[in-house]
N, C-alpha and C. Protein backbone atom coordinates (compact mmCIF):
# COMPACT_ATOMS: atom_id res chain seq x y z
N MET A 1 11.43 -12.08 42.79
CA MET A 1 10.20 -11.35 42.94
C MET A 1 9.70 -10.91 41.56
N LEU A 2 8.40 -11.00 41.37
CA LEU A 2 7.76 -10.57 40.14
C LEU A 2 6.96 -9.31 40.41
N LYS A 3 6.90 -8.42 39.41
CA LYS A 3 6.12 -7.19 39.55
C LYS A 3 5.13 -7.08 38.40
N GLY A 4 3.99 -6.45 38.69
CA GLY A 4 2.98 -6.26 37.67
C GLY A 4 2.16 -5.03 37.94
N SER A 5 1.33 -4.67 36.96
CA SER A 5 0.49 -3.48 37.09
C SER A 5 -0.65 -3.55 36.09
N CYS A 6 -1.59 -2.63 36.29
CA CYS A 6 -2.69 -2.51 35.34
C CYS A 6 -2.27 -1.54 34.23
N LEU A 7 -3.12 -1.37 33.24
CA LEU A 7 -2.81 -0.52 32.09
C LEU A 7 -2.52 0.93 32.47
N CYS A 8 -3.29 1.48 33.39
CA CYS A 8 -3.10 2.89 33.77
C CYS A 8 -2.08 3.06 34.89
N ASN A 9 -1.55 1.96 35.40
CA ASN A 9 -0.52 1.95 36.44
C ASN A 9 -1.05 2.41 37.81
N ALA A 10 -2.37 2.52 37.95
CA ALA A 10 -2.94 2.88 39.26
C ALA A 10 -2.73 1.74 40.26
N ILE A 11 -2.74 0.51 39.75
CA ILE A 11 -2.51 -0.67 40.59
C ILE A 11 -1.15 -1.24 40.25
N GLN A 12 -0.37 -1.48 41.28
CA GLN A 12 0.92 -2.15 41.14
C GLN A 12 0.97 -3.26 42.18
N TYR A 13 1.54 -4.39 41.80
CA TYR A 13 1.62 -5.52 42.73
C TYR A 13 2.96 -6.20 42.61
N GLU A 14 3.26 -7.02 43.61
CA GLU A 14 4.45 -7.86 43.62
C GLU A 14 4.05 -9.27 44.00
N ILE A 15 4.79 -10.22 43.48
CA ILE A 15 4.61 -11.62 43.85
C ILE A 15 5.95 -12.09 44.42
N HIS A 16 5.92 -12.47 45.68
CA HIS A 16 7.12 -12.96 46.37
C HIS A 16 7.08 -14.47 46.34
N GLY A 17 7.26 -15.03 45.16
CA GLY A 17 7.19 -16.47 44.96
C GLY A 17 7.20 -16.78 43.48
N GLU A 18 6.91 -17.99 43.16
CA GLU A 18 6.92 -18.46 41.78
C GLU A 18 5.51 -18.52 41.21
N LEU A 19 5.42 -18.43 39.90
CA LEU A 19 4.14 -18.68 39.23
C LEU A 19 3.90 -20.18 39.24
N GLY A 20 2.66 -20.54 39.48
CA GLY A 20 2.28 -21.95 39.43
C GLY A 20 1.90 -22.34 38.01
N PRO A 21 1.19 -23.45 37.88
CA PRO A 21 0.78 -23.92 36.54
C PRO A 21 0.08 -22.82 35.75
N THR A 22 0.45 -22.74 34.47
CA THR A 22 -0.09 -21.71 33.57
C THR A 22 -0.91 -22.39 32.48
N MET A 23 -2.10 -21.87 32.26
CA MET A 23 -3.01 -22.44 31.26
C MET A 23 -3.56 -21.33 30.37
N MET A 24 -3.91 -21.70 29.16
CA MET A 24 -4.61 -20.81 28.26
C MET A 24 -6.08 -21.22 28.28
N CYS A 25 -6.93 -20.36 28.82
CA CYS A 25 -8.34 -20.69 28.98
C CYS A 25 -9.16 -20.05 27.86
N HIS A 26 -9.91 -20.89 27.14
CA HIS A 26 -10.71 -20.46 26.00
C HIS A 26 -12.20 -20.36 26.34
N CYS A 27 -12.57 -20.43 27.62
CA CYS A 27 -14.00 -20.38 27.97
C CYS A 27 -14.58 -19.02 27.60
N SER A 28 -15.87 -18.97 27.42
CA SER A 28 -16.51 -17.73 26.98
C SER A 28 -16.36 -16.61 28.00
N LYS A 29 -16.32 -16.93 29.27
CA LYS A 29 -16.16 -15.88 30.29
C LYS A 29 -14.77 -15.27 30.24
N CYS A 30 -13.73 -16.07 30.08
CA CYS A 30 -12.37 -15.53 29.94
C CYS A 30 -12.25 -14.71 28.66
N ARG A 31 -12.86 -15.19 27.59
CA ARG A 31 -12.82 -14.42 26.34
C ARG A 31 -13.46 -13.06 26.52
N LYS A 32 -14.63 -13.02 27.14
CA LYS A 32 -15.32 -11.74 27.33
C LYS A 32 -14.57 -10.84 28.31
N ALA A 33 -14.05 -11.41 29.39
CA ALA A 33 -13.35 -10.61 30.40
C ALA A 33 -12.05 -10.02 29.85
N ASN A 34 -11.44 -10.68 28.87
CA ASN A 34 -10.16 -10.23 28.33
C ASN A 34 -10.26 -9.63 26.93
N GLY A 35 -11.42 -9.76 26.29
CA GLY A 35 -11.59 -9.21 24.95
C GLY A 35 -10.66 -9.87 23.94
N SER A 36 -10.40 -11.15 24.15
CA SER A 36 -9.43 -11.86 23.32
C SER A 36 -9.88 -13.30 23.13
N ALA A 37 -9.10 -14.06 22.37
CA ALA A 37 -9.45 -15.46 22.11
C ALA A 37 -9.33 -16.32 23.36
N TYR A 38 -8.46 -15.93 24.28
CA TYR A 38 -8.27 -16.71 25.51
C TYR A 38 -7.53 -15.86 26.53
N ALA A 39 -7.53 -16.33 27.75
CA ALA A 39 -6.77 -15.69 28.83
C ALA A 39 -5.63 -16.63 29.21
N VAL A 40 -4.47 -16.05 29.49
CA VAL A 40 -3.34 -16.86 29.96
C VAL A 40 -3.24 -16.60 31.46
N ASN A 41 -3.53 -17.65 32.23
CA ASN A 41 -3.64 -17.55 33.68
C ASN A 41 -2.62 -18.44 34.36
N ALA A 42 -2.03 -17.92 35.43
CA ALA A 42 -1.10 -18.71 36.24
C ALA A 42 -1.57 -18.70 37.68
N VAL A 43 -1.44 -19.83 38.32
CA VAL A 43 -1.78 -19.93 39.74
C VAL A 43 -0.71 -19.21 40.55
N VAL A 44 -1.16 -18.40 41.51
CA VAL A 44 -0.27 -17.68 42.42
C VAL A 44 -0.81 -17.90 43.83
N LYS A 45 0.08 -18.12 44.77
CA LYS A 45 -0.35 -18.27 46.16
C LYS A 45 -0.79 -16.91 46.70
N THR A 46 -1.95 -16.89 47.31
CA THR A 46 -2.52 -15.65 47.83
C THR A 46 -1.58 -14.94 48.78
N ASP A 47 -0.90 -15.68 49.65
CA ASP A 47 -0.02 -15.03 50.63
C ASP A 47 1.28 -14.52 50.02
N GLU A 48 1.52 -14.81 48.74
CA GLU A 48 2.71 -14.31 48.05
C GLU A 48 2.40 -13.11 47.14
N PHE A 49 1.12 -12.78 47.02
CA PHE A 49 0.66 -11.66 46.18
C PHE A 49 0.43 -10.45 47.08
N HIS A 50 1.07 -9.31 46.75
CA HIS A 50 0.96 -8.11 47.57
C HIS A 50 0.77 -6.87 46.71
N PHE A 51 -0.20 -6.05 47.09
CA PHE A 51 -0.38 -4.76 46.42
C PHE A 51 0.68 -3.79 46.92
N VAL A 52 1.35 -3.13 46.00
CA VAL A 52 2.31 -2.08 46.32
C VAL A 52 1.60 -0.74 46.31
N LYS A 53 0.63 -0.63 45.42
CA LYS A 53 -0.07 0.64 45.21
C LYS A 53 -1.44 0.35 44.60
N GLY A 54 -2.43 1.12 45.00
CA GLY A 54 -3.70 1.14 44.30
C GLY A 54 -4.72 0.08 44.64
N LYS A 55 -4.60 -0.57 45.80
CA LYS A 55 -5.59 -1.59 46.16
C LYS A 55 -7.01 -1.03 46.11
N GLU A 56 -7.14 0.27 46.39
CA GLU A 56 -8.46 0.90 46.38
C GLU A 56 -9.06 0.97 44.97
N PHE A 57 -8.26 0.72 43.94
CA PHE A 57 -8.77 0.73 42.57
C PHE A 57 -9.23 -0.65 42.09
N VAL A 58 -9.08 -1.66 42.94
CA VAL A 58 -9.49 -3.01 42.57
C VAL A 58 -10.99 -3.16 42.75
N ALA A 59 -11.65 -3.62 41.70
CA ALA A 59 -13.08 -3.93 41.74
C ALA A 59 -13.24 -5.41 41.43
N GLU A 60 -14.36 -5.97 41.82
CA GLU A 60 -14.63 -7.40 41.55
C GLU A 60 -16.01 -7.57 40.94
N PHE A 61 -16.11 -8.62 40.15
CA PHE A 61 -17.38 -9.01 39.54
C PHE A 61 -17.52 -10.52 39.71
N GLU A 62 -18.64 -10.95 40.25
CA GLU A 62 -18.88 -12.39 40.41
C GLU A 62 -19.46 -12.91 39.10
N SER A 63 -18.58 -13.46 38.26
CA SER A 63 -18.97 -13.88 36.91
C SER A 63 -19.72 -15.21 36.89
N THR A 64 -19.48 -16.02 37.86
CA THR A 64 -20.12 -17.32 38.05
C THR A 64 -20.26 -17.45 39.56
N PRO A 65 -21.30 -18.08 40.06
CA PRO A 65 -21.38 -18.22 41.52
C PRO A 65 -20.08 -18.79 42.10
N GLY A 66 -19.48 -18.02 43.00
CA GLY A 66 -18.25 -18.46 43.64
C GLY A 66 -16.97 -18.14 42.90
N VAL A 67 -17.06 -17.42 41.77
CA VAL A 67 -15.86 -17.00 41.02
C VAL A 67 -15.90 -15.48 40.87
N PHE A 68 -14.89 -14.82 41.43
CA PHE A 68 -14.80 -13.37 41.40
C PHE A 68 -13.64 -12.96 40.51
N ARG A 69 -13.93 -12.11 39.53
CA ARG A 69 -12.91 -11.57 38.63
C ARG A 69 -12.55 -10.18 39.11
N SER A 70 -11.26 -9.96 39.34
CA SER A 70 -10.78 -8.67 39.85
C SER A 70 -10.15 -7.88 38.71
N PHE A 71 -10.41 -6.58 38.71
CA PHE A 71 -9.94 -5.72 37.63
C PHE A 71 -9.76 -4.31 38.17
N CYS A 72 -9.07 -3.47 37.40
CA CYS A 72 -8.89 -2.07 37.77
C CYS A 72 -10.16 -1.31 37.41
N LYS A 73 -10.75 -0.64 38.40
CA LYS A 73 -11.97 0.11 38.11
C LYS A 73 -11.71 1.41 37.37
N GLN A 74 -10.45 1.76 37.21
CA GLN A 74 -10.11 2.97 36.46
C GLN A 74 -9.88 2.67 34.98
N CYS A 75 -9.08 1.64 34.67
CA CYS A 75 -8.77 1.34 33.26
C CYS A 75 -9.39 0.04 32.76
N GLY A 76 -9.89 -0.80 33.66
CA GLY A 76 -10.54 -2.05 33.26
C GLY A 76 -9.63 -3.24 33.10
N SER A 77 -8.34 -3.10 33.33
CA SER A 77 -7.41 -4.24 33.17
C SER A 77 -7.82 -5.41 34.05
N PRO A 78 -7.99 -6.60 33.47
CA PRO A 78 -8.24 -7.79 34.30
C PRO A 78 -6.95 -8.17 35.02
N LEU A 79 -7.05 -8.46 36.31
CA LEU A 79 -5.87 -8.77 37.11
C LEU A 79 -5.79 -10.24 37.50
N TYR A 80 -6.84 -10.75 38.12
CA TYR A 80 -6.85 -12.13 38.58
C TYR A 80 -8.28 -12.54 38.88
N SER A 81 -8.47 -13.82 39.08
CA SER A 81 -9.75 -14.31 39.59
C SER A 81 -9.46 -15.05 40.88
N ARG A 82 -10.49 -15.13 41.71
CA ARG A 82 -10.35 -15.82 42.99
C ARG A 82 -11.64 -16.55 43.30
N ARG A 83 -11.50 -17.58 44.11
CA ARG A 83 -12.64 -18.35 44.56
C ARG A 83 -12.58 -18.45 46.08
N PRO A 84 -13.60 -17.99 46.78
CA PRO A 84 -13.60 -18.14 48.23
C PRO A 84 -13.44 -19.60 48.67
N SER A 85 -13.85 -20.54 47.83
CA SER A 85 -13.69 -21.96 48.15
C SER A 85 -12.24 -22.42 48.05
N GLN A 86 -11.37 -21.60 47.43
CA GLN A 86 -9.94 -21.90 47.31
C GLN A 86 -9.16 -20.65 47.74
N PRO A 87 -9.21 -20.31 49.03
CA PRO A 87 -8.63 -19.04 49.48
C PRO A 87 -7.11 -18.94 49.38
N ASP A 88 -6.43 -20.03 49.15
CA ASP A 88 -4.97 -20.01 49.12
C ASP A 88 -4.38 -19.63 47.77
N VAL A 89 -5.22 -19.56 46.72
CA VAL A 89 -4.68 -19.27 45.39
C VAL A 89 -5.50 -18.22 44.64
N LEU A 90 -4.80 -17.51 43.75
CA LEU A 90 -5.40 -16.61 42.78
C LEU A 90 -5.02 -17.13 41.40
N ARG A 91 -5.79 -16.78 40.41
CA ARG A 91 -5.43 -17.10 39.03
C ARG A 91 -5.09 -15.78 38.34
N LEU A 92 -3.80 -15.51 38.27
CA LEU A 92 -3.28 -14.25 37.76
C LEU A 92 -3.35 -14.19 36.24
N ARG A 93 -3.78 -13.06 35.69
CA ARG A 93 -3.71 -12.81 34.25
C ARG A 93 -2.28 -12.34 33.98
N ILE A 94 -1.46 -13.24 33.43
CA ILE A 94 -0.03 -12.95 33.37
C ILE A 94 0.33 -11.84 32.38
N GLY A 95 -0.62 -11.41 31.57
CA GLY A 95 -0.38 -10.26 30.71
C GLY A 95 -0.19 -8.97 31.50
N THR A 96 -0.52 -8.97 32.79
CA THR A 96 -0.34 -7.78 33.62
C THR A 96 1.04 -7.75 34.27
N LEU A 97 1.85 -8.78 34.06
CA LEU A 97 3.19 -8.79 34.64
C LEU A 97 4.10 -7.81 33.90
N ASP A 98 4.90 -7.08 34.66
CA ASP A 98 5.91 -6.19 34.09
C ASP A 98 7.27 -6.87 34.06
N THR A 99 7.48 -7.81 34.94
CA THR A 99 8.73 -8.57 35.00
C THR A 99 8.71 -9.64 33.92
N PRO A 100 9.76 -9.74 33.11
CA PRO A 100 9.79 -10.83 32.13
C PRO A 100 9.80 -12.19 32.84
N VAL A 101 9.06 -13.12 32.29
CA VAL A 101 9.02 -14.48 32.84
C VAL A 101 9.21 -15.48 31.72
N ASP A 102 9.79 -16.59 32.07
CA ASP A 102 9.98 -17.68 31.11
C ASP A 102 8.92 -18.74 31.42
N VAL A 103 7.72 -18.50 30.92
CA VAL A 103 6.58 -19.36 31.21
C VAL A 103 6.19 -20.14 29.97
N LYS A 104 5.97 -21.41 30.15
CA LYS A 104 5.45 -22.26 29.08
C LYS A 104 4.10 -22.80 29.54
N PRO A 105 3.01 -22.33 28.92
CA PRO A 105 1.70 -22.85 29.32
C PRO A 105 1.64 -24.37 29.18
N LEU A 106 0.96 -25.00 30.13
CA LEU A 106 0.84 -26.45 30.15
C LEU A 106 -0.24 -26.98 29.24
N ALA A 107 -1.31 -26.17 29.03
CA ALA A 107 -2.45 -26.69 28.27
C ALA A 107 -3.37 -25.57 27.83
N HIS A 108 -4.16 -25.89 26.82
CA HIS A 108 -5.32 -25.09 26.43
C HIS A 108 -6.51 -25.76 27.11
N ILE A 109 -7.29 -24.98 27.85
CA ILE A 109 -8.46 -25.56 28.51
C ILE A 109 -9.74 -24.91 27.99
N PHE A 110 -10.82 -25.65 28.11
CA PHE A 110 -12.13 -25.24 27.63
C PHE A 110 -12.14 -24.96 26.13
N VAL A 111 -11.38 -25.77 25.38
CA VAL A 111 -11.38 -25.58 23.93
C VAL A 111 -12.71 -26.00 23.31
N GLY A 112 -13.52 -26.73 24.07
CA GLY A 112 -14.86 -27.09 23.59
C GLY A 112 -15.76 -25.88 23.42
N SER A 113 -15.39 -24.77 24.06
CA SER A 113 -16.20 -23.55 23.92
C SER A 113 -15.38 -22.38 23.37
N LYS A 114 -14.28 -22.70 22.69
CA LYS A 114 -13.45 -21.62 22.13
C LYS A 114 -14.21 -20.90 21.02
N ALA A 115 -13.75 -19.69 20.72
CA ALA A 115 -14.38 -18.89 19.67
C ALA A 115 -14.27 -19.62 18.32
N SER A 116 -15.29 -19.50 17.51
CA SER A 116 -15.31 -20.19 16.22
C SER A 116 -14.18 -19.71 15.31
N TRP A 117 -13.71 -18.49 15.48
CA TRP A 117 -12.65 -17.92 14.65
C TRP A 117 -11.25 -18.21 15.19
N ASP A 118 -11.18 -18.82 16.36
CA ASP A 118 -9.89 -19.10 17.01
C ASP A 118 -9.32 -20.42 16.50
N GLU A 119 -8.08 -20.39 16.06
CA GLU A 119 -7.38 -21.60 15.64
C GLU A 119 -6.15 -21.79 16.51
N ILE A 120 -5.95 -22.99 17.00
CA ILE A 120 -4.80 -23.30 17.85
C ILE A 120 -3.75 -23.96 16.98
N HIS A 121 -2.54 -23.39 16.97
CA HIS A 121 -1.47 -23.88 16.08
C HIS A 121 -0.22 -24.27 16.85
N ASP A 122 -0.39 -24.94 17.97
CA ASP A 122 0.78 -25.41 18.71
C ASP A 122 0.54 -26.83 19.17
N ASP A 123 1.54 -27.40 19.80
CA ASP A 123 1.46 -28.80 20.22
C ASP A 123 1.13 -28.96 21.69
N ILE A 124 0.71 -27.88 22.35
CA ILE A 124 0.36 -27.95 23.76
C ILE A 124 -0.94 -28.75 23.89
N PRO A 125 -1.05 -29.60 24.90
CA PRO A 125 -2.27 -30.40 25.07
C PRO A 125 -3.53 -29.53 25.15
N GLN A 126 -4.62 -30.07 24.59
CA GLN A 126 -5.89 -29.38 24.58
C GLN A 126 -6.93 -30.22 25.31
N TYR A 127 -7.76 -29.53 26.11
CA TYR A 127 -8.81 -30.21 26.88
C TYR A 127 -10.14 -29.53 26.60
N GLU A 128 -11.17 -30.32 26.41
CA GLU A 128 -12.52 -29.80 26.15
C GLU A 128 -12.99 -28.91 27.30
N GLU A 129 -12.65 -29.31 28.52
CA GLU A 129 -12.98 -28.52 29.71
C GLU A 129 -11.73 -28.41 30.56
N ARG A 130 -11.88 -28.39 31.88
CA ARG A 130 -10.73 -28.35 32.77
C ARG A 130 -10.25 -29.78 32.98
N PRO A 131 -8.93 -30.02 32.85
CA PRO A 131 -8.44 -31.41 33.03
C PRO A 131 -8.60 -31.89 34.46
């Protein structure tokens, strides 16, 4: 089981399963939502993700038609994104995990729109958009 929380700890969650494929997304929306060069996201099965505390603090923003970004309305921590067209999965922001994980991202995605100041210095595959 994996555990995670937001910055202010108002929201706590558990994942009763494994993290799916993990990617580093450099798209402008992930950069803005995370205030960083990229977001590190892992696929999680919706039925394996459970709020332990603070579900009432979760807010959503539809950043693109059909893409909802969920965050803590108290501290602003980005938690995951979801798509009603893919109800079985969430894309978890793994920086909110409290449990240590041994995750190796599979790829950098949307590097075609990465920040001009961002330099990638690893051998992980890079894709202009989503592979």
